[in-house]
Amino acid sequence: MSEPILKALSIRQPWAWLIVNGHKNIENRTWKTAFRGPLLIHAAKGMTKDEYVCAYVMAEENGVVLPDFKDLDRGGIVGKAVIIDCVSHSYDPWFFGPFGFVMTQQKPLPFVTCKGSLGYFIPDIPF
């Protein structure tokens, strides 16, 4: 029996790193999701210095030290997680909404370059 094809979600760095390394268990989105289950985490190609600094400050406030800007993989699969809920309110320090995809079982994977897309997508490489 073959493995099920996993969907992926593209997340900008360093948020993707924070998720797959178990520091951030909620992904903020402007849209709701009914999806529950395993998901590959794709690190988007784009990341500005301002985005990095914003995440760096939040990470530091939560006791997390980020890798350097240049050391964050981008443009490929960096890990996996399981979405267990979608919330519109949370006391989690990483939540700023309007919706949060609650994740568990986050795990980094060896970096594999692949093209991302908006929303959920099936990677253009086998997983």
Protein backbone atom coordinates (compact mmCIF):
# COMPACT_ATOMS: atom_id res chain seq x y z
CA MET A 1 0.00 0.00 0.00
CA SER A 2 1.45 3.38 -0.97
CA GLU A 3 1.82 6.35 1.36
CA PRO A 4 -0.91 9.00 1.07
CA ILE A 5 0.03 12.12 -0.87
CA LEU A 6 0.60 14.92 1.62
CA LYS A 7 -0.58 18.45 1.07
CA ALA A 8 1.82 21.27 1.82
CA LEU A 9 1.40 24.80 3.11
CA SER A 10 3.88 27.53 2.23
CA ILE A 11 4.95 29.64 5.20
CA ARG A 12 7.42 32.50 5.14
CA GLN A 13 10.61 32.21 7.12
CA PRO A 14 11.43 32.43 9.95
CA TRP A 15 7.87 31.40 10.91
CA ALA A 16 8.32 28.05 9.13
CA TRP A 17 11.49 27.37 11.16
CA LEU A 18 9.68 28.26 14.40
CA ILE A 19 6.86 25.83 13.56
CA VAL A 20 8.89 22.80 12.49
CA ASN A 21 11.25 23.18 15.44
CA GLY A 22 8.32 23.08 17.88
CA HIS A 23 8.47 26.66 19.13
CA LYS A 24 5.31 27.93 17.42
CA ASN A 25 2.22 25.73 17.31
CA ILE A 26 -0.18 28.08 15.55
CA GLU A 27 -0.02 29.47 12.01
CA ASN A 28 -1.85 32.74 11.44
CA ARG A 29 -3.97 33.08 8.32
CA THR A 30 -6.67 35.37 6.95
CA TRP A 31 -8.80 32.38 5.97
CA LYS A 32 -10.46 29.50 7.82
CA THR A 33 -9.70 25.87 7.15
CA ALA A 34 -11.68 22.69 7.70
CA PHE A 35 -8.57 20.62 6.92
CA ARG A 36 -7.28 18.41 9.72
CA GLY A 37 -4.36 16.05 9.40
CA PRO A 38 -0.70 15.76 8.41
CA LEU A 39 0.84 18.49 6.34
CA LEU A 40 4.24 19.29 4.85
CA ILE A 41 5.67 22.69 5.75
CA HIS A 42 7.12 24.58 2.78
CA ALA A 43 9.39 27.56 3.44
CA ALA A 44 8.51 30.29 0.94
CA LYS A 45 11.31 31.82 -1.12
CA GLY A 46 10.58 35.34 0.04
CA MET A 47 11.71 36.82 3.35
CA THR A 48 12.45 40.47 3.97
CA LYS A 49 14.78 41.84 6.63
CA ASP A 50 11.74 43.54 8.25
CA GLU A 51 9.87 40.20 8.46
CA TYR A 52 12.93 38.58 9.99
CA VAL A 53 13.36 41.36 12.57
CA CYS A 54 9.65 41.20 13.54
CA ALA A 55 9.86 37.43 14.06
CA TYR A 56 13.23 37.78 15.83
CA VAL A 57 11.71 40.15 18.40
CA MET A 58 8.70 37.87 18.99
CA ALA A 59 10.96 34.83 19.27
CA GLU A 60 13.23 36.59 21.74
CA GLU A 61 10.19 37.60 23.84
CA ASN A 62 9.26 33.90 23.94
CA GLY A 63 12.75 32.67 24.84
CA VAL A 64 13.71 31.41 21.36
CA VAL A 65 16.91 32.25 19.50
CA LEU A 66 16.48 32.26 15.71
CA PRO A 67 19.15 31.16 13.25
CA ASP A 68 20.78 33.96 11.29
CA PHE A 69 18.84 35.37 8.33
CA LYS A 70 21.23 33.75 5.84
CA ASP A 71 20.98 30.32 7.51
CA LEU A 72 17.23 29.82 7.02
CA ASP A 73 16.31 27.45 4.16
CA ARG A 74 13.87 28.92 1.66
CA GLY A 75 12.08 27.65 -1.41
CA GLY A 76 11.38 24.09 -0.30
CA ILE A 77 10.02 21.60 2.20
CA VAL A 78 11.51 22.06 5.68
CA GLY A 79 9.30 19.88 7.86
CA LYS A 80 5.91 18.52 8.69
CA ALA A 81 3.13 18.97 11.25
CA VAL A 82 -0.44 17.92 11.95
CA ILE A 83 -3.26 20.48 11.90
CA ILE A 84 -5.69 19.69 14.71
CA ASP A 85 -7.88 22.81 14.78
CA CYS A 86 -8.62 26.22 13.32
CA VAL A 87 -9.40 28.97 15.84
CA SER A 88 -10.44 32.61 15.71
CA HIS A 89 -9.25 33.33 19.26
CA SER A 90 -6.31 32.09 21.29
CA TYR A 91 -4.20 33.17 24.24
CA ASP A 92 -1.17 31.61 22.56
CA PRO A 93 1.54 34.30 22.35
CA TRP A 94 2.12 33.44 18.68
CA PHE A 95 -1.53 34.07 17.70
CA PHE A 96 -2.44 37.34 16.03
CA GLY A 97 -5.17 35.99 13.71
CA PRO A 98 -7.63 36.50 12.36
CA PHE A 99 -7.49 32.68 12.15
CA GLY A 100 -4.97 30.27 13.60
CA PHE A 101 -4.22 26.77 12.35
CA VAL A 102 -3.32 24.85 15.52
CA MET A 103 -0.50 22.38 14.90
CA THR A 104 1.03 19.49 16.77
CA GLN A 105 3.70 16.87 16.08
CA GLN A 106 5.93 19.42 14.37
CA LYS A 107 9.14 17.98 13.03
CA PRO A 108 11.94 19.32 10.80
CA LEU A 109 12.80 17.30 7.70
CA PRO A 110 15.91 17.49 5.50
CA PHE A 111 15.48 20.44 3.15
CA VAL A 112 14.15 19.58 -0.29
CA THR A 113 13.82 22.32 -2.91
CA CYS A 114 10.39 22.58 -4.49
CA LYS A 115 8.03 25.19 -5.84
CA GLY A 116 5.41 26.60 -3.46
CA SER A 117 1.91 27.90 -4.06
CA LEU A 118 -0.85 29.80 -2.31
CA GLY A 119 -3.14 27.81 -0.02
CA TYR A 120 -2.71 24.06 0.27
CA PHE A 121 -0.84 22.44 -2.61
CA ILE A 122 0.61 19.12 -3.67
CA PRO A 123 4.41 19.44 -3.94
CA ASP A 124 5.91 18.93 -7.39
CA ILE A 125 8.23 16.27 -5.91
CA PRO A 126 7.27 12.94 -4.32
CA PHE A 127 7.02 12.77 -0.52
